[in-house]
Amino acid sequence: MRAITSGVFHPAQEQRVVNPYVPLLASLVIAVVFSLVFVGLSKFFGPHRPTATKTALYECGMPTIGPVHQRFSVKFYLVAVLFILFDLEAVFLYPWAVTFRDFVLDGKALFVFSEMLIFLGVLFLGWLYCLKRGAFEWD
């Protein structure tokens, strides 16, 4: 729709509604296309001279000792999952702490604080459960 004032067209007055996800989608498509093009170019034009030294297993500057594929204890994976679980607590606490002042000014501080206490209480119960089950012991 064009806005005409005194018979003169003013482009600044024309308003177009653009979906806010279009620039995000465009940058994602550009990133994927460039990545695939550069990987393909390096595959076809890059030097490929495999030698025995280049294809040998390498671990910390030392040749491997013992079997390459060894089983890990379930405790290793349990500790990794627990780390991720309790690390997510910080992900939720930082934004809450930053915006809590805004809730104080709006008069919703008690509700938001009680919700965070419930969240921390559930997290604490999970921590107690893991502690009682011996999940934090390496023996």
C-alpha atoms as a PDB file:
ATOM      1  CA  MET A   1       0.000   0.000   0.000  1.00  0.00           C
ATOM      2  CA  ARG A   2       1.485   3.313  -1.014  1.00  0.00           C
ATOM      3  CA  ALA A   3       0.969   6.471   0.952  1.00  0.00           C
ATOM      4  CA  ILE A   4       0.451   9.501  -1.242  1.00  0.00           C
ATOM      5  CA  THR A   5       0.526  12.977   0.215  1.00  0.00           C
ATOM      6  CA  SER A   6      -0.071  15.919  -2.110  1.00  0.00           C
ATOM      7  CA  GLY A   7       0.448  13.683  -5.115  1.00  0.00           C
ATOM      8  CA  VAL A   8       3.992  12.692  -4.026  1.00  0.00           C
ATOM      9  CA  PHE A   9       4.927   9.138  -3.072  1.00  0.00           C
ATOM     10  CA  HIS A  10       6.852   8.803   0.227  1.00  0.00           C
ATOM     11  CA  PRO A  11       8.664   5.446   0.465  1.00  0.00           C
ATOM     12  CA  ALA A  12       9.327   5.923   4.183  1.00  0.00           C
ATOM     13  CA  GLN A  13       5.604   5.679   4.861  1.00  0.00           C
ATOM     14  CA  GLU A  14       5.239   2.287   3.212  1.00  0.00           C
ATOM     15  CA  GLN A  15       5.077  -0.470   5.815  1.00  0.00           C
ATOM     16  CA  ARG A  16       5.814  -4.077   5.049  1.00  0.00           C
ATOM     17  CA  VAL A  17       5.238  -6.858   7.521  1.00  0.00           C
ATOM     18  CA  VAL A  18       8.162  -9.291   7.474  1.00  0.00           C
ATOM     19  CA  ASN A  19       8.173 -12.496   9.434  1.00  0.00           C
ATOM     20  CA  PRO A  20      10.868 -12.123  12.138  1.00  0.00           C
ATOM     21  CA  TYR A  21      12.194 -15.622  11.410  1.00  0.00           C
ATOM     22  CA  VAL A  22      13.050 -14.887   7.769  1.00  0.00           C
ATOM     23  CA  PRO A  23      16.468 -13.304   8.546  1.00  0.00           C
ATOM     24  CA  LEU A  24      17.280 -16.168  10.910  1.00  0.00           C
ATOM     25  CA  LEU A  25      16.333 -18.734   8.275  1.00  0.00           C
ATOM     26  CA  ALA A  26      18.332 -16.881   5.622  1.00  0.00           C
ATOM     27  CA  SER A  27      21.488 -16.780   7.772  1.00  0.00           C
ATOM     28  CA  LEU A  28      21.051 -20.469   8.627  1.00  0.00           C
ATOM     29  CA  VAL A  29      20.756 -21.388   4.942  1.00  0.00           C
ATOM     30  CA  ILE A  30      23.810 -19.278   4.086  1.00  0.00           C
ATOM     31  CA  ALA A  31      25.837 -20.906   6.887  1.00  0.00           C
ATOM     32  CA  VAL A  32      24.898 -24.433   5.791  1.00  0.00           C
ATOM     33  CA  VAL A  33      25.568 -23.733   2.112  1.00  0.00           C
ATOM     34  CA  PHE A  34      28.968 -22.134   2.774  1.00  0.00           C
ATOM     35  CA  SER A  35      29.944 -24.966   5.116  1.00  0.00           C
ATOM     36  CA  LEU A  36      29.055 -27.636   2.594  1.00  0.00           C
ATOM     37  CA  VAL A  37      30.776 -25.774  -0.246  1.00  0.00           C
ATOM     38  CA  PHE A  38      34.029 -25.326   1.685  1.00  0.00           C
ATOM     39  CA  VAL A  39      34.071 -28.930   2.942  1.00  0.00           C
ATOM     40  CA  GLY A  40      33.429 -30.139  -0.604  1.00  0.00           C
ATOM     41  CA  LEU A  41      36.159 -27.905  -2.032  1.00  0.00           C
ATOM     42  CA  SER A  42      38.695 -29.153   0.513  1.00  0.00           C
ATOM     43  CA  LYS A  43      37.698 -32.740  -0.207  1.00  0.00           C
ATOM     44  CA  PHE A  44      38.235 -32.376  -3.961  1.00  0.00           C
ATOM     45  CA  PHE A  45      41.161 -29.932  -4.073  1.00  0.00           C
ATOM     46  CA  GLY A  46      43.006 -30.607  -0.802  1.00  0.00           C
ATOM     47  CA  PRO A  47      46.099 -32.827  -0.647  1.00  0.00           C
ATOM     48  CA  HIS A  48      45.492 -36.396   0.493  1.00  0.00           C
ATOM     49  CA  ARG A  49      48.716 -38.310   1.166  1.00  0.00           C
ATOM     50  CA  PRO A  50      47.988 -40.888   3.879  1.00  0.00           C
ATOM     51  CA  THR A  51      51.033 -42.553   5.400  1.00  0.00           C
ATOM     52  CA  ALA A  52      51.430 -45.129   8.147  1.00  0.00           C
ATOM     53  CA  THR A  53      52.371 -42.390  10.618  1.00  0.00           C
ATOM     54  CA  LYS A  54      49.391 -40.242   9.751  1.00  0.00           C
ATOM     55  CA  THR A  55      46.885 -43.081  10.046  1.00  0.00           C
ATOM     56  CA  ALA A  56      48.314 -44.515  13.296  1.00  0.00           C
ATOM     57  CA  LEU A  57      46.400 -44.137  16.536  1.00  0.00           C
ATOM     58  CA  TYR A  58      47.590 -41.175  18.561  1.00  0.00           C
ATOM     59  CA  GLU A  59      46.824 -40.511  22.207  1.00  0.00           C
ATOM     60  CA  CYS A  60      48.588 -37.758  24.145  1.00  0.00           C
ATOM     61  CA  GLY A  61      51.824 -38.205  22.220  1.00  0.00           C
ATOM     62  CA  MET A  62      52.210 -41.827  23.276  1.00  0.00           C
ATOM     63  CA  PRO A  63      51.375 -45.051  21.467  1.00  0.00           C
ATOM     64  CA  THR A  64      48.411 -46.897  22.941  1.00  0.00           C
ATOM     65  CA  ILE A  65      49.084 -49.469  25.644  1.00  0.00           C
ATOM     66  CA  GLY A  66      46.572 -52.224  26.073  1.00  0.00           C
ATOM     67  CA  PRO A  67      43.264 -52.714  24.301  1.00  0.00           C
ATOM     68  CA  VAL A  68      41.900 -49.748  22.406  1.00  0.00           C
ATOM     69  CA  HIS A  69      38.260 -50.460  23.224  1.00  0.00           C
ATOM     70  CA  GLN A  70      37.735 -50.826  26.931  1.00  0.00           C
ATOM     71  CA  ARG A  71      34.601 -50.754  29.009  1.00  0.00           C
ATOM     72  CA  PHE A  72      33.853 -47.835  31.275  1.00  0.00           C
ATOM     73  CA  SER A  73      32.162 -48.189  34.598  1.00  0.00           C
ATOM     74  CA  VAL A  74      28.518 -47.184  34.828  1.00  0.00           C
ATOM     75  CA  LYS A  75      29.594 -44.739  37.552  1.00  0.00           C
ATOM     76  CA  PHE A  76      31.422 -42.720  34.906  1.00  0.00           C
ATOM     77  CA  TYR A  77      28.224 -42.172  32.944  1.00  0.00           C
ATOM     78  CA  LEU A  78      26.225 -41.600  36.114  1.00  0.00           C
ATOM     79  CA  VAL A  79      28.569 -38.813  37.186  1.00  0.00           C
ATOM     80  CA  ALA A  80      28.363 -37.263  33.719  1.00  0.00           C
ATOM     81  CA  VAL A  81      24.554 -37.262  33.774  1.00  0.00           C
ATOM     82  CA  LEU A  82      24.476 -35.874  37.318  1.00  0.00           C
ATOM     83  CA  PHE A  83      26.874 -33.108  36.326  1.00  0.00           C
ATOM     84  CA  ILE A  84      24.625 -32.121  33.440  1.00  0.00           C
ATOM     85  CA  LEU A  85      21.546 -32.264  35.677  1.00  0.00           C
ATOM     86  CA  PHE A  86      22.963 -30.089  38.431  1.00  0.00           C
ATOM     87  CA  ASP A  87      24.741 -27.801  35.982  1.00  0.00           C
ATOM     88  CA  LEU A  88      21.370 -26.929  34.451  1.00  0.00           C
ATOM     89  CA  GLU A  89      20.427 -25.478  37.813  1.00  0.00           C
ATOM     90  CA  ALA A  90      22.825 -22.597  37.186  1.00  0.00           C
ATOM     91  CA  VAL A  91      21.342 -22.078  33.721  1.00  0.00           C
ATOM     92  CA  PHE A  92      17.946 -21.453  35.307  1.00  0.00           C
ATOM     93  CA  LEU A  93      19.209 -19.487  38.305  1.00  0.00           C
ATOM     94  CA  TYR A  94      21.182 -16.771  36.496  1.00  0.00           C
ATOM     95  CA  PRO A  95      18.346 -15.375  34.342  1.00  0.00           C
ATOM     96  CA  TRP A  96      15.995 -15.600  37.309  1.00  0.00           C
ATOM     97  CA  ALA A  97      18.417 -13.633  39.482  1.00  0.00           C
ATOM     98  CA  VAL A  98      18.877 -10.990  36.801  1.00  0.00           C
ATOM     99  CA  THR A  99      15.144 -10.426  36.281  1.00  0.00           C
ATOM    100  CA  PHE A 100      14.122 -10.783  39.929  1.00  0.00           C
ATOM    101  CA  ARG A 101      14.501  -7.033  40.520  1.00  0.00           C
ATOM    102  CA  ASP A 102      11.884  -6.369  37.828  1.00  0.00           C
ATOM    103  CA  PHE A 103       9.471  -8.688  39.625  1.00  0.00           C
ATOM    104  CA  VAL A 104      10.112  -6.846  42.892  1.00  0.00           C
ATOM    105  CA  LEU A 105       9.160  -3.569  41.215  1.00  0.00           C
ATOM    106  CA  ASP A 106       6.001  -5.146  39.757  1.00  0.00           C
ATOM    107  CA  GLY A 107       4.935  -6.527  43.134  1.00  0.00           C
ATOM    108  CA  LYS A 108       5.229 -10.181  42.053  1.00  0.00           C
ATOM    109  CA  ALA A 109       8.351 -10.938  44.068  1.00  0.00           C
ATOM    110  CA  LEU A 110       6.713 -13.304  46.568  1.00  0.00           C
ATOM    111  CA  PHE A 111       5.197 -15.501  43.862  1.00  0.00           C
ATOM    112  CA  VAL A 112       8.414 -15.665  41.812  1.00  0.00           C
ATOM    113  CA  PHE A 113      10.527 -16.310  44.903  1.00  0.00           C
ATOM    114  CA  SER A 114       8.236 -19.119  46.060  1.00  0.00           C
ATOM    115  CA  GLU A 115       8.362 -20.722  42.612  1.00  0.00           C
ATOM    116  CA  MET A 116      12.165 -20.675  42.706  1.00  0.00           C
ATOM    117  CA  LEU A 117      12.138 -22.181  46.205  1.00  0.00           C
ATOM    118  CA  ILE A 118       9.939 -25.021  44.902  1.00  0.00           C
ATOM    119  CA  PHE A 119      12.367 -25.576  42.010  1.00  0.00           C
ATOM    120  CA  LEU A 120      15.359 -25.611  44.364  1.00  0.00           C
ATOM    121  CA  GLY A 121      13.487 -27.895  46.777  1.00  0.00           C
ATOM    122  CA  VAL A 122      12.849 -30.476  44.058  1.00  0.00           C
ATOM    123  CA  LEU A 123      16.474 -30.206  42.989  1.00  0.00           C
ATOM    124  CA  PHE A 124      17.602 -30.649  46.605  1.00  0.00           C
ATOM    125  CA  LEU A 125      15.412 -33.747  46.971  1.00  0.00           C
ATOM    126  CA  GLY A 126      17.058 -35.186  43.858  1.00  0.00           C
ATOM    127  CA  TRP A 127      20.475 -34.425  45.304  1.00  0.00           C
ATOM    128  CA  LEU A 128      19.526 -36.143  48.582  1.00  0.00           C
ATOM    129  CA  TYR A 129      18.279 -39.186  46.668  1.00  0.00           C
ATOM    130  CA  CYS A 130      21.561 -39.408  44.745  1.00  0.00           C
ATOM    131  CA  LEU A 131      23.494 -39.009  47.986  1.00  0.00           C
ATOM    132  CA  LYS A 132      21.547 -41.795  49.735  1.00  0.00           C
ATOM    133  CA  ARG A 133      21.949 -44.147  46.754  1.00  0.00           C
ATOM    134  CA  GLY A 134      25.743 -43.594  46.751  1.00  0.00           C
ATOM    135  CA  ALA A 135      25.879 -41.967  43.342  1.00  0.00           C
ATOM    136  CA  PHE A 136      28.612 -39.558  44.440  1.00  0.00           C
ATOM    137  CA  GLU A 137      31.001 -42.280  45.698  1.00  0.00           C
ATOM    138  CA  TRP A 138      33.726 -43.487  43.338  1.00  0.00           C
ATOM    139  CA  ASP A 139      34.588 -46.688  45.225  1.00  0.00           C
END
